[in-house]
Amino acid sequence: MRFGVQVNCYRTTWQDIKASIETLEAGRWSSLWFADHFLPPGQDEHHTAFEGYTLIAVAAGMTQKLRLGHLVLGNTYRNPALVAKMAATLDQASAGRFVLALGAAWFQREHEAFGWRFPPMKERQDRFQEACELIRKLFQADGPVDYEGQYYRLDQAPLSPSCHQQPHVPIMVGGTGERRTLRTLAMHGDIFNLDGWARQGMSRELYRHKAQVLERHCEDIGRDPAEIQRTLLMPLRITEDKAVQERFVEALGPGSVAGPKSYVIDRIGEFAADGVEEIMFGALRTGDVEAYQQVEEDIIAAFH
């Protein structure tokens, strides 16, 4: 089992983000992740919000071992061919440590704030599927690529340099929508991620259900589901306080992981038994070095 952290990049400072990156690099952690928002989700939109792709590029220069990615990039913010170019460049510069994680985008207010069009859900899903297909074609191509979609097109577009990783930068498809998103993952993705911030909770039953839906899509298109890595974004609260546990679960949904360290270890063990290979913890305060180190000692050490 590998472990990472989604380091919060809004309502915080660069110094706290820097301290988090340095702590993860020095410890037994495997990966570092940032969100991709231009306003902090919630009511306090005038607070700080660092741009996620720039942060990952800076973090790549500060680290040697951590795998790097986003949870997740919003497709509507950047042309997907540009995203492929940025991903290959960062993968080369980090010697193969980048994961491209992409979602359809959901935060309407930040589109309004920055003057970006926010398409209806169906169009966002259609664009997202095209984007994943286009990016995968660029990643896999030996030469220039033509692509003619409803929303995106390429005319003999080269990806040079291409990815450092072989066969290419892995593509994480963000979201667990059963009809469209998981099918897009089966068609064009490499990594599944169950997002504990989506207020569906993080029960073992939910994970198994989503995994079964993904496997059915793989069967429909003739793909081996074993090719797709399973991961979790797990908001975490280690506490003996029953009231704190109850509030955490009430806020995020059934099965959200709050409890003493023995409970957390048992829950992670269940997911490991179900095939989960990596867990990215959330809800750790950015810059709180002691909290990161405590999770490392209490939880990660139990699996290493």
C-alpha atoms as a PDB file:
ATOM      1  CA  MET A   1       0.000   0.000   0.000  1.00  0.00           C
ATOM      2  CA  ARG A   2       1.270   3.442  -0.954  1.00  0.00           C
ATOM      3  CA  PHE A   3       0.269   6.664   0.828  1.00  0.00           C
ATOM      4  CA  GLY A   4       0.111  10.288  -0.214  1.00  0.00           C
ATOM      5  CA  VAL A   5      -1.495  13.543   0.875  1.00  0.00           C
ATOM      6  CA  GLN A   6      -3.778  15.980  -0.886  1.00  0.00           C
ATOM      7  CA  VAL A   7      -2.124  19.159   0.366  1.00  0.00           C
ATOM      8  CA  ASN A   8      -4.649  21.965   0.596  1.00  0.00           C
ATOM      9  CA  CYS A   9      -3.715  24.857  -1.697  1.00  0.00           C
ATOM     10  CA  TYR A  10      -6.358  27.380  -0.698  1.00  0.00           C
ATOM     11  CA  ARG A  11      -7.026  29.275   2.524  1.00  0.00           C
ATOM     12  CA  THR A  12      -3.315  28.862   3.228  1.00  0.00           C
ATOM     13  CA  THR A  13       0.120  30.355   2.532  1.00  0.00           C
ATOM     14  CA  TRP A  14       3.044  29.376   0.331  1.00  0.00           C
ATOM     15  CA  GLN A  15       5.212  28.835   3.413  1.00  0.00           C
ATOM     16  CA  ASP A  16       2.752  26.251   4.778  1.00  0.00           C
ATOM     17  CA  ILE A  17       2.544  24.517   1.389  1.00  0.00           C
ATOM     18  CA  LYS A  18       6.349  24.467   1.210  1.00  0.00           C
ATOM     19  CA  ALA A  19       6.594  22.939   4.690  1.00  0.00           C
ATOM     20  CA  SER A  20       4.120  20.228   3.679  1.00  0.00           C
ATOM     21  CA  ILE A  21       6.071  19.351   0.527  1.00  0.00           C
ATOM     22  CA  GLU A  22       9.346  19.128   2.450  1.00  0.00           C
ATOM     23  CA  THR A  23       7.790  16.958   5.166  1.00  0.00           C
ATOM     24  CA  LEU A  24       6.333  14.500   2.661  1.00  0.00           C
ATOM     25  CA  GLU A  25       9.602  14.266   0.732  1.00  0.00           C
ATOM     26  CA  ALA A  26      11.553  13.562   3.935  1.00  0.00           C
ATOM     27  CA  GLY A  27       9.152  10.902   5.205  1.00  0.00           C
ATOM     28  CA  ARG A  28       7.787   7.531   4.123  1.00  0.00           C
ATOM     29  CA  TRP A  29       5.183   9.086   1.854  1.00  0.00           C
ATOM     30  CA  SER A  30       4.851   8.122  -1.812  1.00  0.00           C
ATOM     31  CA  SER A  31       2.900  10.949  -3.415  1.00  0.00           C
ATOM     32  CA  LEU A  32       1.803  14.585  -3.305  1.00  0.00           C
ATOM     33  CA  TRP A  33      -1.452  15.944  -4.748  1.00  0.00           C
ATOM     34  CA  PHE A  34      -3.078  19.337  -5.146  1.00  0.00           C
ATOM     35  CA  ALA A  35      -6.607  20.381  -6.052  1.00  0.00           C
ATOM     36  CA  ASP A  36      -7.317  22.487  -9.146  1.00  0.00           C
ATOM     37  CA  HIS A  37      -9.498  25.413  -8.095  1.00  0.00           C
ATOM     38  CA  PHE A  38      -9.201  29.130  -8.739  1.00  0.00           C
ATOM     39  CA  LEU A  39     -11.517  30.066  -5.868  1.00  0.00           C
ATOM     40  CA  PRO A  40     -11.737  28.198  -2.556  1.00  0.00           C
ATOM     41  CA  PRO A  41     -14.882  26.035  -2.690  1.00  0.00           C
ATOM     42  CA  GLY A  42     -17.338  27.323  -0.114  1.00  0.00           C
ATOM     43  CA  GLN A  43     -18.376  30.759   1.035  1.00  0.00           C
ATOM     44  CA  ASP A  44     -14.989  32.469   1.515  1.00  0.00           C
ATOM     45  CA  GLU A  45     -14.061  32.943  -2.136  1.00  0.00           C
ATOM     46  CA  HIS A  46     -11.807  35.939  -1.458  1.00  0.00           C
ATOM     47  CA  HIS A  47      -9.309  33.840   0.471  1.00  0.00           C
ATOM     48  CA  THR A  48      -6.106  32.551  -1.114  1.00  0.00           C
ATOM     49  CA  ALA A  49      -6.217  29.938  -3.888  1.00  0.00           C
ATOM     50  CA  PHE A  50      -2.906  28.853  -5.441  1.00  0.00           C
ATOM     51  CA  GLU A  51      -2.988  27.579  -9.034  1.00  0.00           C
ATOM     52  CA  GLY A  52      -2.587  23.812  -8.873  1.00  0.00           C
ATOM     53  CA  TYR A  53      -0.531  23.061 -11.977  1.00  0.00           C
ATOM     54  CA  THR A  54       2.034  25.726 -11.168  1.00  0.00           C
ATOM     55  CA  LEU A  55       2.351  24.297  -7.657  1.00  0.00           C
ATOM     56  CA  ILE A  56       3.019  20.790  -8.969  1.00  0.00           C
ATOM     57  CA  ALA A  57       5.709  22.116 -11.304  1.00  0.00           C
ATOM     58  CA  VAL A  58       7.383  23.912  -8.385  1.00  0.00           C
ATOM     59  CA  ALA A  59       7.068  20.789  -6.214  1.00  0.00           C
ATOM     60  CA  ALA A  60       8.722  18.704  -8.929  1.00  0.00           C
ATOM     61  CA  GLY A  61      11.812  20.890  -8.606  1.00  0.00           C
ATOM     62  CA  MET A  62      11.789  20.567  -4.816  1.00  0.00           C
ATOM     63  CA  THR A  63      11.555  16.769  -4.679  1.00  0.00           C
ATOM     64  CA  GLN A  64      13.277  13.637  -5.903  1.00  0.00           C
ATOM     65  CA  LYS A  65      11.039  10.715  -4.921  1.00  0.00           C
ATOM     66  CA  LEU A  66       7.410  11.828  -4.604  1.00  0.00           C
ATOM     67  CA  ARG A  67       4.953  11.033  -7.373  1.00  0.00           C
ATOM     68  CA  LEU A  68       3.003  14.169  -8.287  1.00  0.00           C
ATOM     69  CA  GLY A  69      -0.513  14.880  -9.469  1.00  0.00           C
ATOM     70  CA  HIS A  70      -3.830  16.642  -8.978  1.00  0.00           C
ATOM     71  CA  LEU A  71      -7.149  15.550  -7.542  1.00  0.00           C
ATOM     72  CA  VAL A  72      -8.175  16.541 -10.133  1.00  0.00           C
ATOM     73  CA  LEU A  73      -7.582  18.979 -13.021  1.00  0.00           C
ATOM     74  CA  GLY A  74     -10.777  20.461 -14.430  1.00  0.00           C
ATOM     75  CA  ASN A  75     -11.090  19.782 -18.152  1.00  0.00           C
ATOM     76  CA  THR A  76     -12.884  23.057 -18.888  1.00  0.00           C
ATOM     77  CA  TYR A  77      -9.951  25.199 -17.685  1.00  0.00           C
ATOM     78  CA  ARG A  78      -7.383  24.153 -20.312  1.00  0.00           C
ATOM     79  CA  ASN A  79      -7.366  22.836 -23.847  1.00  0.00           C
ATOM     80  CA  PRO A  80      -6.660  19.069 -23.581  1.00  0.00           C
ATOM     81  CA  ALA A  81      -3.872  19.165 -26.177  1.00  0.00           C
ATOM     82  CA  LEU A  82      -2.171  21.822 -24.055  1.00  0.00           C
ATOM     83  CA  VAL A  83      -2.702  19.606 -21.000  1.00  0.00           C
ATOM     84  CA  ALA A  84      -1.005  16.706 -22.797  1.00  0.00           C
ATOM     85  CA  LYS A  85       1.944  18.952 -23.683  1.00  0.00           C
ATOM     86  CA  MET A  86       2.207  20.229 -20.106  1.00  0.00           C
ATOM     87  CA  ALA A  87       1.985  16.672 -18.749  1.00  0.00           C
ATOM     88  CA  ALA A  88       4.740  15.334 -20.996  1.00  0.00           C
ATOM     89  CA  THR A  89       6.990  18.283 -20.173  1.00  0.00           C
ATOM     90  CA  LEU A  90       6.484  17.826 -16.431  1.00  0.00           C
ATOM     91  CA  ASP A  91       6.977  14.075 -16.722  1.00  0.00           C
ATOM     92  CA  GLN A  92      10.299  14.636 -18.471  1.00  0.00           C
ATOM     93  CA  ALA A  93      11.407  17.250 -15.935  1.00  0.00           C
ATOM     94  CA  SER A  94      10.469  15.028 -12.955  1.00  0.00           C
ATOM     95  CA  ALA A  95      12.038  11.877 -14.460  1.00  0.00           C
ATOM     96  CA  GLY A  96       8.709  10.088 -14.711  1.00  0.00           C
ATOM     97  CA  ARG A  97       6.928  11.085 -11.503  1.00  0.00           C
ATOM     98  CA  PHE A  98       3.812  12.781 -12.890  1.00  0.00           C
ATOM     99  CA  VAL A  99       0.247  11.400 -12.923  1.00  0.00           C
ATOM    100  CA  LEU A 100      -2.289  13.210 -15.107  1.00  0.00           C
ATOM    101  CA  ALA A 101      -5.600  13.287 -13.251  1.00  0.00           C
ATOM    102  CA  LEU A 102      -8.535  14.881 -15.067  1.00  0.00           C
ATOM    103  CA  GLY A 103     -12.197  15.461 -14.339  1.00  0.00           C
ATOM    104  CA  ALA A 104     -15.144  17.053 -16.138  1.00  0.00           C
ATOM    105  CA  ALA A 105     -15.183  20.093 -13.729  1.00  0.00           C
ATOM    106  CA  TRP A 106     -18.077  21.047 -11.470  1.00  0.00           C
ATOM    107  CA  PHE A 107     -17.464  24.424  -9.791  1.00  0.00           C
ATOM    108  CA  GLN A 108     -19.701  26.857 -11.633  1.00  0.00           C
ATOM    109  CA  ARG A 109     -18.832  29.931  -9.546  1.00  0.00           C
ATOM    110  CA  GLU A 110     -15.157  29.958 -10.495  1.00  0.00           C
ATOM    111  CA  HIS A 111     -16.090  29.774 -14.181  1.00  0.00           C
ATOM    112  CA  GLU A 112     -18.278  32.830 -13.673  1.00  0.00           C
ATOM    113  CA  ALA A 113     -15.601  34.659 -11.691  1.00  0.00           C
ATOM    114  CA  PHE A 114     -12.915  34.239 -14.351  1.00  0.00           C
ATOM    115  CA  GLY A 115     -15.086  34.538 -17.442  1.00  0.00           C
ATOM    116  CA  TRP A 116     -15.046  30.894 -18.536  1.00  0.00           C
ATOM    117  CA  ARG A 117     -18.090  29.259 -20.049  1.00  0.00           C
ATOM    118  CA  PHE A 118     -19.654  26.565 -17.841  1.00  0.00           C
ATOM    119  CA  PRO A 119     -21.328  24.083 -20.189  1.00  0.00           C
ATOM    120  CA  PRO A 120     -24.319  21.945 -19.181  1.00  0.00           C
ATOM    121  CA  MET A 121     -23.536  18.573 -17.607  1.00  0.00           C
ATOM    122  CA  LYS A 122     -23.981  16.531 -20.783  1.00  0.00           C
ATOM    123  CA  GLU A 123     -21.639  18.767 -22.756  1.00  0.00           C
ATOM    124  CA  ARG A 124     -19.061  18.695 -19.967  1.00  0.00           C
ATOM    125  CA  GLN A 125     -19.189  14.899 -19.984  1.00  0.00           C
ATOM    126  CA  ASP A 126     -18.940  14.788 -23.783  1.00  0.00           C
ATOM    127  CA  ARG A 127     -15.984  17.177 -23.721  1.00  0.00           C
ATOM    128  CA  PHE A 128     -14.342  15.176 -20.949  1.00  0.00           C
ATOM    129  CA  GLN A 129     -14.613  11.909 -22.854  1.00  0.00           C
ATOM    130  CA  GLU A 130     -13.165  13.527 -25.979  1.00  0.00           C
ATOM    131  CA  ALA A 131     -10.360  15.104 -23.951  1.00  0.00           C
ATOM    132  CA  CYS A 132      -9.345  11.776 -22.425  1.00  0.00           C
ATOM    133  CA  GLU A 133      -9.393  10.111 -25.843  1.00  0.00           C
ATOM    134  CA  LEU A 134      -7.344  12.911 -27.439  1.00  0.00           C
ATOM    135  CA  ILE A 135      -4.754  12.964 -24.641  1.00  0.00           C
ATOM    136  CA  ARG A 136      -4.319   9.197 -24.730  1.00  0.00           C
ATOM    137  CA  LYS A 137      -3.817   9.315 -28.512  1.00  0.00           C
ATOM    138  CA  LEU A 138      -1.099  11.938 -28.096  1.00  0.00           C
ATOM    139  CA  PHE A 139       0.561   9.962 -25.308  1.00  0.00           C
ATOM    140  CA  GLN A 140       0.604   6.748 -27.347  1.00  0.00           C
ATOM    141  CA  ALA A 141       1.491   8.158 -30.773  1.00  0.00           C
ATOM    142  CA  ASP A 142       4.817   7.593 -32.499  1.00  0.00           C
ATOM    143  CA  GLY A 143       4.334  10.726 -34.620  1.00  0.00           C
ATOM    144  CA  PRO A 144       1.954  13.633 -35.294  1.00  0.00           C
ATOM    145  CA  VAL A 145      -1.708  13.071 -34.455  1.00  0.00           C
ATOM    146  CA  ASP A 146      -4.916  14.002 -36.260  1.00  0.00           C
ATOM    147  CA  TYR A 147      -8.115  14.157 -34.243  1.00  0.00           C
ATOM    148  CA  GLU A 148     -11.573  15.334 -35.246  1.00  0.00           C
ATOM    149  CA  GLY A 149     -14.075  15.462 -32.405  1.00  0.00           C
ATOM    150  CA  GLN A 150     -17.175  17.506 -31.773  1.00  0.00           C
ATOM    151  CA  TYR A 151     -15.295  19.897 -29.484  1.00  0.00           C
ATOM    152  CA  TYR A 152     -11.573  19.340 -30.082  1.00  0.00           C
ATOM    153  CA  ARG A 153      -9.407  18.786 -33.119  1.00  0.00           C
ATOM    154  CA  LEU A 154      -5.758  18.178 -33.947  1.00  0.00           C
ATOM    155  CA  ASP A 155      -4.038  18.679 -37.290  1.00  0.00           C
ATOM    156  CA  GLN A 156      -0.780  16.712 -37.409  1.00  0.00           C
ATOM    157  CA  ALA A 157      -0.003  17.695 -33.818  1.00  0.00           C
ATOM    158  CA  PRO A 158       3.240  16.224 -32.453  1.00  0.00           C
ATOM    159  CA  LEU A 159       3.922  15.511 -28.780  1.00  0.00           C
ATOM    160  CA  SER A 160       7.656  16.033 -28.628  1.00  0.00           C
ATOM    161  CA  PRO A 161       9.162  15.331 -26.254  1.00  0.00           C
ATOM    162  CA  SER A 162       6.723  12.618 -25.331  1.00  0.00           C
ATOM    163  CA  CYS A 163       6.325  11.058 -21.898  1.00  0.00           C
ATOM    164  CA  HIS A 164       9.299   9.928 -19.842  1.00  0.00           C
ATOM    165  CA  GLN A 165       7.274   7.061 -18.359  1.00  0.00           C
ATOM    166  CA  GLN A 166       6.612   3.992 -20.456  1.00  0.00           C
ATOM    167  CA  PRO A 167       4.246   3.359 -22.026  1.00  0.00           C
ATOM    168  CA  HIS A 168       3.080   6.890 -21.029  1.00  0.00           C
ATOM    169  CA  VAL A 169       1.997   9.137 -18.171  1.00  0.00           C
ATOM    170  CA  PRO A 170      -0.850   7.311 -16.386  1.00  0.00           C
ATOM    171  CA  ILE A 171      -4.264   8.938 -16.739  1.00  0.00           C
ATOM    172  CA  MET A 172      -6.501   9.109 -13.680  1.00  0.00           C
ATOM    173  CA  VAL A 173     -10.152   9.727 -14.512  1.00  0.00           C
ATOM    174  CA  GLY A 174     -11.706  11.673 -11.665  1.00  0.00           C
ATOM    175  CA  GLY A 175     -15.284  11.027 -10.572  1.00  0.00           C
ATOM    176  CA  THR A 176     -17.444   7.956 -10.128  1.00  0.00           C
ATOM    177  CA  GLY A 177     -20.549   8.718 -12.197  1.00  0.00           C
ATOM    178  CA  GLU A 178     -21.770   5.296 -13.195  1.00  0.00           C
ATOM    179  CA  ARG A 179     -23.148   5.917 -16.674  1.00  0.00           C
ATOM    180  CA  ARG A 180     -20.534   8.240 -18.224  1.00  0.00           C
ATOM    181  CA  THR A 181     -17.485   8.830 -16.018  1.00  0.00           C
ATOM    182  CA  LEU A 182     -16.667   5.225 -15.169  1.00  0.00           C
ATOM    183  CA  ARG A 183     -17.194   4.288 -18.798  1.00  0.00           C
ATOM    184  CA  THR A 184     -14.748   7.010 -19.855  1.00  0.00           C
ATOM    185  CA  LEU A 185     -12.303   5.524 -17.353  1.00  0.00           C
ATOM    186  CA  ALA A 186     -12.769   2.045 -18.803  1.00  0.00           C
ATOM    187  CA  MET A 187     -12.181   3.399 -22.315  1.00  0.00           C
ATOM    188  CA  HIS A 188      -9.306   5.824 -21.796  1.00  0.00           C
ATOM    189  CA  GLY A 189      -8.024   5.802 -18.201  1.00  0.00           C
ATOM    190  CA  ASP A 190      -5.472   3.955 -16.105  1.00  0.00           C
ATOM    191  CA  ILE A 191      -6.376   4.876 -12.513  1.00  0.00           C
ATOM    192  CA  PHE A 192      -9.674   4.845 -10.586  1.00  0.00           C
ATOM    193  CA  ASN A 193     -10.092   7.157  -7.587  1.00  0.00           C
ATOM    194  CA  LEU A 194     -12.944   7.134  -5.086  1.00  0.00           C
ATOM    195  CA  ASP A 195     -13.237  10.700  -3.787  1.00  0.00           C
ATOM    196  CA  GLY A 196     -14.189  10.922  -0.126  1.00  0.00           C
ATOM    197  CA  TRP A 197     -14.958  14.645  -0.445  1.00  0.00           C
ATOM    198  CA  ALA A 198     -17.865  13.911  -2.797  1.00  0.00           C
ATOM    199  CA  ARG A 199     -20.171  13.361   0.173  1.00  0.00           C
ATOM    200  CA  GLN A 200     -20.986   9.803  -0.800  1.00  0.00           C
ATOM    201  CA  GLY A 201     -18.940   8.590   2.148  1.00  0.00           C
ATOM    202  CA  MET A 202     -16.202   5.974   2.034  1.00  0.00           C
ATOM    203  CA  SER A 203     -17.847   2.722   2.978  1.00  0.00           C
ATOM    204  CA  ARG A 204     -16.421  -0.562   1.803  1.00  0.00           C
ATOM    205  CA  GLU A 205     -19.791  -1.266   0.188  1.00  0.00           C
ATOM    206  CA  LEU A 206     -19.645   1.951  -1.851  1.00  0.00           C
ATOM    207  CA  TYR A 207     -16.145   1.158  -3.076  1.00  0.00           C
ATOM    208  CA  ARG A 208     -17.120  -2.386  -4.063  1.00  0.00           C
ATOM    209  CA  HIS A 209     -20.210  -1.150  -5.894  1.00  0.00           C
ATOM    210  CA  LYS A 210     -18.272   1.441  -7.926  1.00  0.00           C
ATOM    211  CA  ALA A 211     -15.573  -1.128  -8.696  1.00  0.00           C
ATOM    212  CA  GLN A 212     -18.213  -3.544  -9.980  1.00  0.00           C
ATOM    213  CA  VAL A 213     -19.712  -0.854 -12.227  1.00  0.00           C
ATOM    214  CA  LEU A 214     -16.252  -0.153 -13.632  1.00  0.00           C
ATOM    215  CA  GLU A 215     -15.672  -3.846 -14.243  1.00  0.00           C
ATOM    216  CA  ARG A 216     -18.947  -4.095 -16.182  1.00  0.00           C
ATOM    217  CA  HIS A 217     -17.896  -1.206 -18.414  1.00  0.00           C
ATOM    218  CA  CYS A 218     -14.546  -2.899 -18.978  1.00  0.00           C
ATOM    219  CA  GLU A 219     -16.336  -6.100 -19.947  1.00  0.00           C
ATOM    220  CA  ASP A 220     -18.554  -4.179 -22.397  1.00  0.00           C
ATOM    221  CA  ILE A 221     -15.577  -2.699 -24.240  1.00  0.00           C
ATOM    222  CA  GLY A 222     -13.317  -5.737 -23.965  1.00  0.00           C
ATOM    223  CA  ARG A 223     -10.777  -4.342 -21.525  1.00  0.00           C
ATOM    224  CA  ASP A 224      -9.128  -6.204 -18.652  1.00  0.00           C
ATOM    225  CA  PRO A 225     -10.137  -4.325 -15.447  1.00  0.00           C
ATOM    226  CA  ALA A 226      -6.884  -5.448 -13.847  1.00  0.00           C
ATOM    227  CA  GLU A 227      -5.158  -2.853 -16.050  1.00  0.00           C
ATOM    228  CA  ILE A 228      -6.788  -0.080 -13.973  1.00  0.00           C
ATOM    229  CA  GLN A 229      -5.186   0.836 -10.659  1.00  0.00           C
ATOM    230  CA  ARG A 230      -7.522   1.421  -7.673  1.00  0.00           C
ATOM    231  CA  THR A 231      -6.960   4.407  -5.368  1.00  0.00           C
ATOM    232  CA  LEU A 232      -8.834   6.394  -2.705  1.00  0.00           C
ATOM    233  CA  LEU A 233      -8.867  10.052  -1.690  1.00  0.00           C
ATOM    234  CA  MET A 234      -9.582   9.529   2.016  1.00  0.00           C
ATOM    235  CA  PRO A 235     -10.413  12.472   4.285  1.00  0.00           C
ATOM    236  CA  LEU A 236      -9.034  11.395   7.649  1.00  0.00           C
ATOM    237  CA  ARG A 237      -9.630  12.255  11.288  1.00  0.00           C
ATOM    238  CA  ILE A 238      -7.713  10.284  13.923  1.00  0.00           C
ATOM    239  CA  THR A 239      -9.553  10.837  17.194  1.00  0.00           C
ATOM    240  CA  GLU A 240     -10.911   9.033  20.243  1.00  0.00           C
ATOM    241  CA  ASP A 241     -13.691  11.607  20.581  1.00  0.00           C
ATOM    242  CA  LYS A 242     -17.033  10.043  19.591  1.00  0.00           C
ATOM    243  CA  ALA A 243     -18.684  13.405  18.963  1.00  0.00           C
ATOM    244  CA  VAL A 244     -15.895  14.450  16.569  1.00  0.00           C
ATOM    245  CA  GLN A 245     -16.199  11.121  14.768  1.00  0.00           C
ATOM    246  CA  GLU A 246     -19.955  11.519  14.373  1.00  0.00           C
ATOM    247  CA  ARG A 247     -19.698  15.084  13.034  1.00  0.00           C
ATOM    248  CA  PHE A 248     -17.042  14.026  10.521  1.00  0.00           C
ATOM    249  CA  VAL A 249     -19.126  11.132   9.194  1.00  0.00           C
ATOM    250  CA  GLU A 250     -22.300  13.229   9.150  1.00  0.00           C
ATOM    251  CA  ALA A 251     -20.544  15.878   7.051  1.00  0.00           C
ATOM    252  CA  LEU A 252     -18.963  13.525   4.500  1.00  0.00           C
ATOM    253  CA  GLY A 253     -21.175  10.444   4.406  1.00  0.00           C
ATOM    254  CA  PRO A 254     -21.340   6.843   5.658  1.00  0.00           C
ATOM    255  CA  GLY A 255     -18.068   5.075   6.206  1.00  0.00           C
ATOM    256  CA  SER A 256     -15.951   8.236   6.222  1.00  0.00           C
ATOM    257  CA  VAL A 257     -12.803   7.429   8.170  1.00  0.00           C
ATOM    258  CA  ALA A 258     -12.780   8.980  11.627  1.00  0.00           C
ATOM    259  CA  GLY A 259     -11.743   7.140  14.755  1.00  0.00           C
ATOM    260  CA  PRO A 260      -8.771   5.884  16.768  1.00  0.00           C
ATOM    261  CA  LYS A 261      -5.656   4.755  14.932  1.00  0.00           C
ATOM    262  CA  SER A 262      -6.536   1.066  15.318  1.00  0.00           C
ATOM    263  CA  TYR A 263      -9.832   1.679  13.515  1.00  0.00           C
ATOM    264  CA  VAL A 264      -8.104   3.601  10.724  1.00  0.00           C
ATOM    265  CA  ILE A 265      -5.561   0.796  10.251  1.00  0.00           C
ATOM    266  CA  ASP A 266      -8.345  -1.798  10.098  1.00  0.00           C
ATOM    267  CA  ARG A 267     -10.289   0.215   7.506  1.00  0.00           C
ATOM    268  CA  ILE A 268      -7.217   0.632   5.322  1.00  0.00           C
ATOM    269  CA  GLY A 269      -6.573  -3.098   5.617  1.00  0.00           C
ATOM    270  CA  GLU A 270     -10.070  -3.801   4.307  1.00  0.00           C
ATOM    271  CA  PHE A 271      -9.518  -1.615   1.261  1.00  0.00           C
ATOM    272  CA  ALA A 272      -6.126  -3.212   0.660  1.00  0.00           C
ATOM    273  CA  ALA A 273      -7.812  -6.618   0.683  1.00  0.00           C
ATOM    274  CA  ASP A 274     -10.231  -5.305  -1.968  1.00  0.00           C
ATOM    275  CA  GLY A 275      -7.400  -4.282  -4.286  1.00  0.00           C
ATOM    276  CA  VAL A 276      -6.774  -0.630  -3.400  1.00  0.00           C
ATOM    277  CA  GLU A 277      -3.111   0.175  -4.081  1.00  0.00           C
ATOM    278  CA  GLU A 278      -2.804   3.773  -2.924  1.00  0.00           C
ATOM    279  CA  ILE A 279      -4.560   6.086  -0.475  1.00  0.00           C
ATOM    280  CA  MET A 280      -4.271   9.860  -0.580  1.00  0.00           C
ATOM    281  CA  PHE A 281      -5.208  11.361   2.783  1.00  0.00           C
ATOM    282  CA  GLY A 282      -7.155  14.600   2.986  1.00  0.00           C
ATOM    283  CA  ALA A 283      -8.155  16.923   5.837  1.00  0.00           C
ATOM    284  CA  LEU A 284      -4.600  17.219   7.208  1.00  0.00           C
ATOM    285  CA  ARG A 285      -3.898  20.875   7.916  1.00  0.00           C
ATOM    286  CA  THR A 286      -1.421  22.329   5.440  1.00  0.00           C
ATOM    287  CA  GLY A 287       1.874  23.141   7.121  1.00  0.00           C
ATOM    288  CA  ASP A 288       1.118  21.087  10.246  1.00  0.00           C
ATOM    289  CA  VAL A 289       4.341  19.092  10.176  1.00  0.00           C
ATOM    290  CA  GLU A 290       3.582  17.316  13.450  1.00  0.00           C
ATOM    291  CA  ALA A 291       0.218  16.073  12.154  1.00  0.00           C
ATOM    292  CA  TYR A 292       1.835  14.670   9.006  1.00  0.00           C
ATOM    293  CA  GLN A 293       4.525  12.965  11.058  1.00  0.00           C
ATOM    294  CA  GLN A 294       1.949  11.544  13.469  1.00  0.00           C
ATOM    295  CA  VAL A 295      -0.010   9.948  10.618  1.00  0.00           C
ATOM    296  CA  GLU A 296       3.232   8.539   9.309  1.00  0.00           C
ATOM    297  CA  GLU A 297       4.095   7.007  12.676  1.00  0.00           C
ATOM    298  CA  ASP A 298       0.607   5.834  13.602  1.00  0.00           C
ATOM    299  CA  ILE A 299      -0.715   4.639  10.230  1.00  0.00           C
ATOM    300  CA  ILE A 300       1.902   4.305   7.508  1.00  0.00           C
ATOM    301  CA  ALA A 301       4.319   2.444   9.768  1.00  0.00           C
ATOM    302  CA  ALA A 302       1.704  -0.284  10.214  1.00  0.00           C
ATOM    303  CA  PHE A 303       1.924  -1.071   6.485  1.00  0.00           C
ATOM    304  CA  HIS A 304       5.720  -0.884   6.032  1.00  0.00           C
END
